[in-house]
Amino acid sequence: MRGLFEHHLNITAKVMDLRLQRQNIVTGNIANVNTPGYKARRLEFENQLQAALNQDGLGKLTRTKQDHLPATFDPDGFKGEGLDDFRGREVWGQDEVNLEKEMATNTKNTMMYNALASVIKKSFDGMNRVIQEGSK
């Protein structure tokens, strides 16, 4: 499997780890909604992750031919190995916990985590299909 999926699996696994950390922080915020003086925390990582991947998050496409429009993402120089030490930034909030906002963050984060899990599952399903068809 080395070389077939390793490139995007490392990135997907790192983002899933960060989403799990965010889930834990949001759950802690919700648990402390009635704690006097507790300030909501949040985990920020999307902008830093896009910077680490050399993308701006505006949907720029990969430039594979000289005739294409320029892009900031260089597919030849990208390995994704710099993500091993990548950490999200935990920010202590200024405000009390807003239950509705925390529940919305919780729901969005869960949906994004499940989408990433589906991507990984489809990758392994494809590999399984190749193995099954190759052994016939």
N, C-alpha and C. Protein backbone atom coordinates (compact mmCIF):
# COMPACT_ATOMS: atom_id res chain seq x y z
N MET A 1 0.82 -1.18 0.00
CA MET A 1 0.00 0.00 0.00
C MET A 1 0.87 1.25 0.00
N ARG A 2 2.11 1.12 0.38
CA ARG A 2 2.98 2.28 0.43
C ARG A 2 3.05 2.95 -0.94
N GLY A 3 2.75 4.23 -0.97
CA GLY A 3 2.80 4.96 -2.22
C GLY A 3 1.45 5.15 -2.88
N LEU A 4 0.50 4.26 -2.65
CA LEU A 4 -0.80 4.41 -3.30
C LEU A 4 -1.69 5.40 -2.57
N PHE A 5 -1.82 5.26 -1.26
CA PHE A 5 -2.72 6.12 -0.51
C PHE A 5 -2.02 6.90 0.60
N GLU A 6 -0.76 6.60 0.84
CA GLU A 6 -0.06 7.20 1.97
C GLU A 6 -0.10 8.72 1.94
N HIS A 7 0.02 9.30 0.77
CA HIS A 7 0.04 10.75 0.60
C HIS A 7 -1.18 11.41 1.25
N HIS A 8 -2.36 11.01 0.85
CA HIS A 8 -3.54 11.67 1.40
C HIS A 8 -4.01 11.06 2.71
N LEU A 9 -3.63 9.84 3.01
CA LEU A 9 -4.03 9.25 4.29
C LEU A 9 -3.38 9.97 5.46
N ASN A 10 -2.12 10.37 5.31
CA ASN A 10 -1.46 11.10 6.39
C ASN A 10 -2.15 12.42 6.67
N ILE A 11 -2.51 13.12 5.62
CA ILE A 11 -3.19 14.41 5.77
C ILE A 11 -4.58 14.20 6.39
N THR A 12 -5.31 13.23 5.86
CA THR A 12 -6.66 12.97 6.36
C THR A 12 -6.62 12.54 7.81
N ALA A 13 -5.66 11.70 8.17
CA ALA A 13 -5.53 11.25 9.56
C ALA A 13 -5.22 12.42 10.48
N LYS A 14 -4.35 13.33 10.05
CA LYS A 14 -4.01 14.50 10.87
C LYS A 14 -5.23 15.38 11.08
N VAL A 15 -5.99 15.62 10.01
CA VAL A 15 -7.18 16.47 10.13
C VAL A 15 -8.22 15.79 11.02
N MET A 16 -8.34 14.47 10.92
CA MET A 16 -9.28 13.75 11.80
C MET A 16 -8.85 13.88 13.26
N ASP A 17 -7.55 13.82 13.52
CA ASP A 17 -7.05 14.02 14.89
C ASP A 17 -7.40 15.41 15.40
N LEU A 18 -7.22 16.41 14.55
CA LEU A 18 -7.54 17.77 14.96
C LEU A 18 -9.04 17.95 15.18
N ARG A 19 -9.84 17.32 14.36
CA ARG A 19 -11.29 17.38 14.56
C ARG A 19 -11.70 16.70 15.86
N LEU A 20 -11.03 15.60 16.21
CA LEU A 20 -11.30 14.94 17.49
C LEU A 20 -10.93 15.86 18.65
N GLN A 21 -9.79 16.54 18.55
CA GLN A 21 -9.41 17.50 19.59
C GLN A 21 -10.45 18.61 19.72
N ARG A 22 -10.93 19.09 18.56
CA ARG A 22 -11.96 20.13 18.60
C ARG A 22 -13.22 19.60 19.26
N GLN A 23 -13.57 18.36 18.95
CA GLN A 23 -14.77 17.76 19.55
C GLN A 23 -14.64 17.72 21.07
N ASN A 24 -13.46 17.36 21.55
CA ASN A 24 -13.23 17.31 23.00
C ASN A 24 -13.34 18.69 23.64
N ILE A 25 -12.83 19.70 22.98
CA ILE A 25 -12.91 21.06 23.51
C ILE A 25 -14.35 21.56 23.53
N VAL A 26 -15.08 21.31 22.44
CA VAL A 26 -16.49 21.74 22.38
C VAL A 26 -17.31 21.01 23.44
N THR A 27 -17.04 19.72 23.61
CA THR A 27 -17.76 18.95 24.63
C THR A 27 -17.47 19.52 26.02
N GLY A 28 -16.22 19.91 26.26
CA GLY A 28 -15.88 20.54 27.53
C GLY A 28 -16.59 21.86 27.72
N ASN A 29 -16.72 22.63 26.64
CA ASN A 29 -17.45 23.90 26.72
C ASN A 29 -18.92 23.66 27.08
N ILE A 30 -19.52 22.66 26.42
CA ILE A 30 -20.93 22.35 26.68
C ILE A 30 -21.10 21.86 28.12
N ALA A 31 -20.17 21.05 28.59
CA ALA A 31 -20.26 20.53 29.96
C ALA A 31 -20.15 21.64 30.99
N ASN A 32 -19.47 22.73 30.64
CA ASN A 32 -19.27 23.82 31.59
C ASN A 32 -20.17 25.02 31.33
N VAL A 33 -21.27 24.79 30.62
CA VAL A 33 -22.17 25.89 30.26
C VAL A 33 -22.69 26.61 31.51
N ASN A 34 -22.87 25.93 32.62
CA ASN A 34 -23.39 26.54 33.84
C ASN A 34 -22.31 26.82 34.88
N THR A 35 -21.05 26.65 34.52
CA THR A 35 -19.96 26.90 35.46
C THR A 35 -19.67 28.40 35.50
N PRO A 36 -19.80 29.01 36.67
CA PRO A 36 -19.56 30.46 36.77
C PRO A 36 -18.11 30.81 36.40
N GLY A 37 -17.96 31.82 35.56
CA GLY A 37 -16.63 32.30 35.19
C GLY A 37 -15.92 31.50 34.11
N TYR A 38 -16.52 30.41 33.66
CA TYR A 38 -15.86 29.60 32.62
C TYR A 38 -15.95 30.32 31.29
N LYS A 39 -14.83 30.39 30.60
CA LYS A 39 -14.77 31.01 29.27
C LYS A 39 -14.62 29.91 28.23
N ALA A 40 -15.41 30.00 27.18
CA ALA A 40 -15.39 28.98 26.13
C ALA A 40 -14.03 28.95 25.43
N ARG A 41 -13.59 27.75 25.10
CA ARG A 41 -12.34 27.55 24.35
C ARG A 41 -12.70 27.10 22.95
N ARG A 42 -11.76 27.26 22.03
CA ARG A 42 -11.96 26.76 20.67
C ARG A 42 -10.60 26.34 20.12
N LEU A 43 -10.65 25.51 19.10
CA LEU A 43 -9.44 25.03 18.45
C LEU A 43 -9.45 25.53 17.01
N GLU A 44 -8.42 26.28 16.65
CA GLU A 44 -8.30 26.80 15.30
C GLU A 44 -7.17 26.06 14.60
N PHE A 45 -7.46 25.56 13.40
CA PHE A 45 -6.40 24.90 12.65
C PHE A 45 -6.55 25.01 11.14
N GLU A 46 -7.71 25.38 10.64
CA GLU A 46 -7.93 25.37 9.20
C GLU A 46 -6.98 26.30 8.45
N ASN A 47 -6.85 27.54 8.90
CA ASN A 47 -5.99 28.49 8.19
C ASN A 47 -4.53 28.06 8.24
N GLN A 48 -4.07 27.60 9.43
CA GLN A 48 -2.70 27.15 9.56
C GLN A 48 -2.46 25.91 8.72
N LEU A 49 -3.45 25.01 8.64
CA LEU A 49 -3.32 23.80 7.84
C LEU A 49 -3.21 24.15 6.37
N GLN A 50 -4.04 25.07 5.90
CA GLN A 50 -3.97 25.49 4.50
C GLN A 50 -2.63 26.14 4.19
N ALA A 51 -2.10 26.91 5.14
CA ALA A 51 -0.78 27.51 4.94
C ALA A 51 0.30 26.43 4.88
N ALA A 52 0.19 25.40 5.74
CA ALA A 52 1.16 24.31 5.75
C ALA A 52 1.10 23.51 4.45
N LEU A 53 -0.08 23.43 3.85
CA LEU A 53 -0.25 22.72 2.59
C LEU A 53 0.01 23.62 1.38
N ASN A 54 0.35 24.89 1.64
CA ASN A 54 0.62 25.86 0.59
C ASN A 54 -0.61 26.12 -0.26
N GLN A 55 -1.75 26.24 0.40
CA GLN A 55 -3.00 26.58 -0.26
C GLN A 55 -3.60 27.78 0.44
N ASP A 56 -4.39 28.54 -0.27
CA ASP A 56 -4.99 29.72 0.34
C ASP A 56 -6.44 29.52 0.75
N GLY A 57 -7.01 28.36 0.47
CA GLY A 57 -8.38 28.08 0.87
C GLY A 57 -9.42 28.74 0.00
N LEU A 58 -9.00 29.34 -1.10
CA LEU A 58 -9.96 30.00 -1.99
C LEU A 58 -10.32 29.14 -3.18
N GLY A 59 -9.95 27.87 -3.14
CA GLY A 59 -10.33 26.96 -4.20
C GLY A 59 -9.44 27.01 -5.42
N LYS A 60 -8.19 27.46 -5.26
CA LYS A 60 -7.29 27.49 -6.41
C LYS A 60 -6.96 26.07 -6.85
N LEU A 61 -6.88 25.87 -8.14
CA LEU A 61 -6.65 24.56 -8.71
C LEU A 61 -5.16 24.27 -8.86
N THR A 62 -4.83 23.00 -8.95
CA THR A 62 -3.46 22.58 -9.17
C THR A 62 -3.07 22.84 -10.62
N ARG A 63 -1.91 23.40 -10.81
CA ARG A 63 -1.42 23.69 -12.16
C ARG A 63 -0.57 22.51 -12.63
N THR A 64 -1.09 21.75 -13.57
CA THR A 64 -0.38 20.58 -14.07
C THR A 64 0.23 20.80 -15.44
N LYS A 65 -0.20 21.85 -16.14
CA LYS A 65 0.34 22.19 -17.45
C LYS A 65 0.63 23.68 -17.49
N GLN A 66 1.59 24.05 -18.28
CA GLN A 66 1.99 25.45 -18.39
C GLN A 66 0.84 26.33 -18.88
N ASP A 67 -0.09 25.77 -19.66
CA ASP A 67 -1.20 26.55 -20.19
C ASP A 67 -2.29 26.83 -19.16
N HIS A 68 -2.25 26.15 -18.03
CA HIS A 68 -3.26 26.35 -17.00
C HIS A 68 -3.02 27.67 -16.26
N LEU A 69 -4.04 28.11 -15.59
CA LEU A 69 -3.92 29.30 -14.76
C LEU A 69 -2.96 29.02 -13.60
N PRO A 70 -2.27 30.03 -13.09
CA PRO A 70 -1.33 29.81 -11.99
C PRO A 70 -2.07 29.38 -10.71
N ALA A 71 -1.37 28.60 -9.92
CA ALA A 71 -1.91 28.14 -8.63
C ALA A 71 -0.81 28.20 -7.60
N THR A 72 -1.17 28.28 -6.33
CA THR A 72 -0.16 28.32 -5.27
C THR A 72 0.29 26.93 -4.88
N PHE A 73 -0.46 25.92 -5.22
CA PHE A 73 -0.16 24.54 -4.83
C PHE A 73 0.76 23.90 -5.86
N ASP A 74 1.91 23.40 -5.43
CA ASP A 74 2.86 22.74 -6.31
C ASP A 74 2.77 21.23 -6.08
N PRO A 75 2.17 20.46 -7.02
CA PRO A 75 1.98 19.04 -6.79
C PRO A 75 3.28 18.25 -6.75
N ASP A 76 4.35 18.78 -7.37
CA ASP A 76 5.61 18.05 -7.39
C ASP A 76 6.37 18.17 -6.07
N GLY A 77 6.22 19.29 -5.40
CA GLY A 77 6.98 19.51 -4.17
C GLY A 77 6.22 19.14 -2.91
N PHE A 78 5.00 18.71 -3.04
CA PHE A 78 4.19 18.44 -1.85
C PHE A 78 4.30 17.01 -1.39
N LYS A 79 4.61 16.82 -0.13
CA LYS A 79 4.69 15.49 0.45
C LYS A 79 3.73 15.34 1.63
N GLY A 80 3.41 16.42 2.31
CA GLY A 80 2.51 16.35 3.46
C GLY A 80 3.18 15.83 4.71
N GLU A 81 4.51 15.66 4.66
CA GLU A 81 5.21 15.10 5.82
C GLU A 81 5.43 16.14 6.90
N GLY A 82 5.32 17.42 6.56
CA GLY A 82 5.47 18.46 7.55
C GLY A 82 4.32 18.52 8.52
N LEU A 83 3.30 17.72 8.30
CA LEU A 83 2.13 17.73 9.17
C LEU A 83 2.32 16.92 10.44
N ASP A 84 3.41 16.16 10.53
CA ASP A 84 3.63 15.33 11.71
C ASP A 84 3.65 16.16 12.99
N ASP A 85 4.27 17.33 12.93
CA ASP A 85 4.38 18.18 14.11
C ASP A 85 3.33 19.28 14.14
N PHE A 86 2.41 19.26 13.20
CA PHE A 86 1.40 20.30 13.12
C PHE A 86 0.43 20.20 14.30
N ARG A 87 0.19 21.30 14.95
CA ARG A 87 -0.73 21.35 16.09
C ARG A 87 -1.74 22.48 15.85
N GLY A 88 -2.94 22.22 16.26
CA GLY A 88 -3.94 23.28 16.22
C GLY A 88 -3.67 24.28 17.33
N ARG A 89 -4.23 25.45 17.21
CA ARG A 89 -4.03 26.50 18.21
C ARG A 89 -5.26 26.58 19.08
N GLU A 90 -5.08 26.32 20.36
CA GLU A 90 -6.20 26.40 21.29
C GLU A 90 -6.32 27.83 21.79
N VAL A 91 -7.51 28.38 21.65
CA VAL A 91 -7.74 29.77 22.01
C VAL A 91 -8.74 29.82 23.16
N TRP A 92 -8.37 30.56 24.19
CA TRP A 92 -9.30 30.77 25.30
C TRP A 92 -10.21 31.92 24.94
N GLY A 93 -11.49 31.69 25.07
CA GLY A 93 -12.47 32.67 24.64
C GLY A 93 -12.58 33.86 25.56
N GLN A 94 -13.25 34.86 25.05
CA GLN A 94 -13.49 36.09 25.79
C GLN A 94 -14.87 36.05 26.46
N ASP A 95 -15.74 35.18 25.97
CA ASP A 95 -17.13 35.20 26.38
C ASP A 95 -17.51 33.93 27.14
N GLU A 96 -18.68 34.03 27.73
CA GLU A 96 -19.28 32.86 28.35
C GLU A 96 -19.65 31.85 27.26
N VAL A 97 -19.96 30.65 27.65
CA VAL A 97 -20.33 29.61 26.69
C VAL A 97 -21.71 29.91 26.13
N ASN A 98 -21.81 29.92 24.80
CA ASN A 98 -23.08 30.08 24.11
C ASN A 98 -23.50 28.69 23.64
N LEU A 99 -24.49 28.12 24.28
CA LEU A 99 -24.88 26.73 24.03
C LEU A 99 -25.26 26.50 22.56
N GLU A 100 -26.01 27.42 21.96
CA GLU A 100 -26.42 27.25 20.58
C GLU A 100 -25.21 27.23 19.64
N LYS A 101 -24.27 28.13 19.89
CA LYS A 101 -23.05 28.19 19.05
C LYS A 101 -22.22 26.92 19.21
N GLU A 102 -22.11 26.43 20.43
CA GLU A 102 -21.34 25.21 20.69
C GLU A 102 -21.99 23.99 20.04
N MET A 103 -23.31 23.93 20.10
CA MET A 103 -24.01 22.81 19.47
C MET A 103 -23.86 22.86 17.95
N ALA A 104 -23.89 24.06 17.36
CA ALA A 104 -23.68 24.19 15.91
C ALA A 104 -22.26 23.78 15.54
N THR A 105 -21.28 24.20 16.33
CA THR A 105 -19.90 23.81 16.08
C THR A 105 -19.74 22.30 16.21
N ASN A 106 -20.38 21.74 17.21
CA ASN A 106 -20.34 20.30 17.45
C ASN A 106 -20.91 19.54 16.25
N THR A 107 -22.04 19.98 15.75
CA THR A 107 -22.69 19.32 14.61
C THR A 107 -21.84 19.43 13.35
N LYS A 108 -21.33 20.62 13.07
CA LYS A 108 -20.50 20.81 11.88
C LYS A 108 -19.23 19.96 11.97
N ASN A 109 -18.60 19.96 13.12
CA ASN A 109 -17.37 19.19 13.31
C ASN A 109 -17.63 17.69 13.13
N THR A 110 -18.75 17.20 13.66
CA THR A 110 -19.11 15.79 13.51
C THR A 110 -19.33 15.43 12.04
N MET A 111 -20.02 16.31 11.32
CA MET A 111 -20.27 16.05 9.90
C MET A 111 -18.95 16.01 9.11
N MET A 112 -18.03 16.93 9.41
CA MET A 112 -16.75 16.96 8.72
C MET A 112 -15.91 15.72 9.06
N TYR A 113 -15.95 15.29 10.30
CA TYR A 113 -15.23 14.09 10.72
C TYR A 113 -15.77 12.86 9.98
N ASN A 114 -17.10 12.76 9.94
CA ASN A 114 -17.72 11.62 9.25
C ASN A 114 -17.41 11.63 7.76
N ALA A 115 -17.35 12.81 7.16
CA ALA A 115 -16.99 12.90 5.74
C ALA A 115 -15.57 12.39 5.51
N LEU A 116 -14.65 12.77 6.39
CA LEU A 116 -13.27 12.28 6.27
C LEU A 116 -13.18 10.78 6.47
N ALA A 117 -13.97 10.26 7.41
CA ALA A 117 -14.00 8.80 7.62
C ALA A 117 -14.52 8.10 6.37
N SER A 118 -15.50 8.69 5.70
CA SER A 118 -16.03 8.10 4.47
C SER A 118 -14.98 8.11 3.36
N VAL A 119 -14.19 9.18 3.28
CA VAL A 119 -13.12 9.25 2.27
C VAL A 119 -12.11 8.13 2.49
N ILE A 120 -11.71 7.93 3.73
CA ILE A 120 -10.75 6.87 4.03
C ILE A 120 -11.36 5.50 3.73
N LYS A 121 -12.63 5.31 4.10
CA LYS A 121 -13.27 4.03 3.84
C LYS A 121 -13.33 3.74 2.35
N LYS A 122 -13.67 4.75 1.55
CA LYS A 122 -13.73 4.55 0.09
C LYS A 122 -12.36 4.21 -0.48
N SER A 123 -11.31 4.80 0.08
CA SER A 123 -9.95 4.47 -0.38
C SER A 123 -9.64 3.00 -0.13
N PHE A 124 -9.98 2.53 1.06
CA PHE A 124 -9.72 1.13 1.38
C PHE A 124 -10.66 0.19 0.63
N ASP A 125 -11.89 0.62 0.39
CA ASP A 125 -12.81 -0.19 -0.42
C ASP A 125 -12.27 -0.35 -1.84
N GLY A 126 -11.72 0.73 -2.39
CA GLY A 126 -11.13 0.66 -3.72
C GLY A 126 -9.94 -0.27 -3.76
N MET A 127 -9.10 -0.20 -2.74
CA MET A 127 -7.95 -1.09 -2.67
C MET A 127 -8.41 -2.54 -2.53
N ASN A 128 -9.43 -2.77 -1.74
CA ASN A 128 -9.97 -4.12 -1.55
C ASN A 128 -10.52 -4.65 -2.88
N ARG A 129 -11.21 -3.80 -3.64
CA ARG A 129 -11.76 -4.21 -4.92
C ARG A 129 -10.63 -4.59 -5.89
N VAL A 130 -9.55 -3.82 -5.90
CA VAL A 130 -8.41 -4.13 -6.77
C VAL A 130 -7.80 -5.48 -6.37
N ILE A 131 -7.67 -5.71 -5.09
CA ILE A 131 -7.10 -6.97 -4.61
C ILE A 131 -8.02 -8.14 -4.97
N GLN A 132 -9.33 -7.96 -4.76
CA GLN A 132 -10.29 -9.03 -5.05
C GLN A 132 -10.29 -9.38 -6.54
N GLU A 133 -10.30 -8.37 -7.39
CA GLU A 133 -10.34 -8.60 -8.83
C GLU A 133 -9.01 -9.13 -9.35
N GLY A 134 -7.92 -8.77 -8.70
CA GLY A 134 -6.61 -9.23 -9.11
C GLY A 134 -6.35 -10.69 -8.73
N SER A 135 -7.09 -11.19 -7.74
CA SER A 135 -6.86 -12.57 -7.31
C SER A 135 -7.73 -13.57 -8.06
N LYS A 136 -8.58 -13.08 -8.97
CA LYS A 136 -9.45 -13.99 -9.74
C LYS A 136 -8.72 -14.66 -10.85
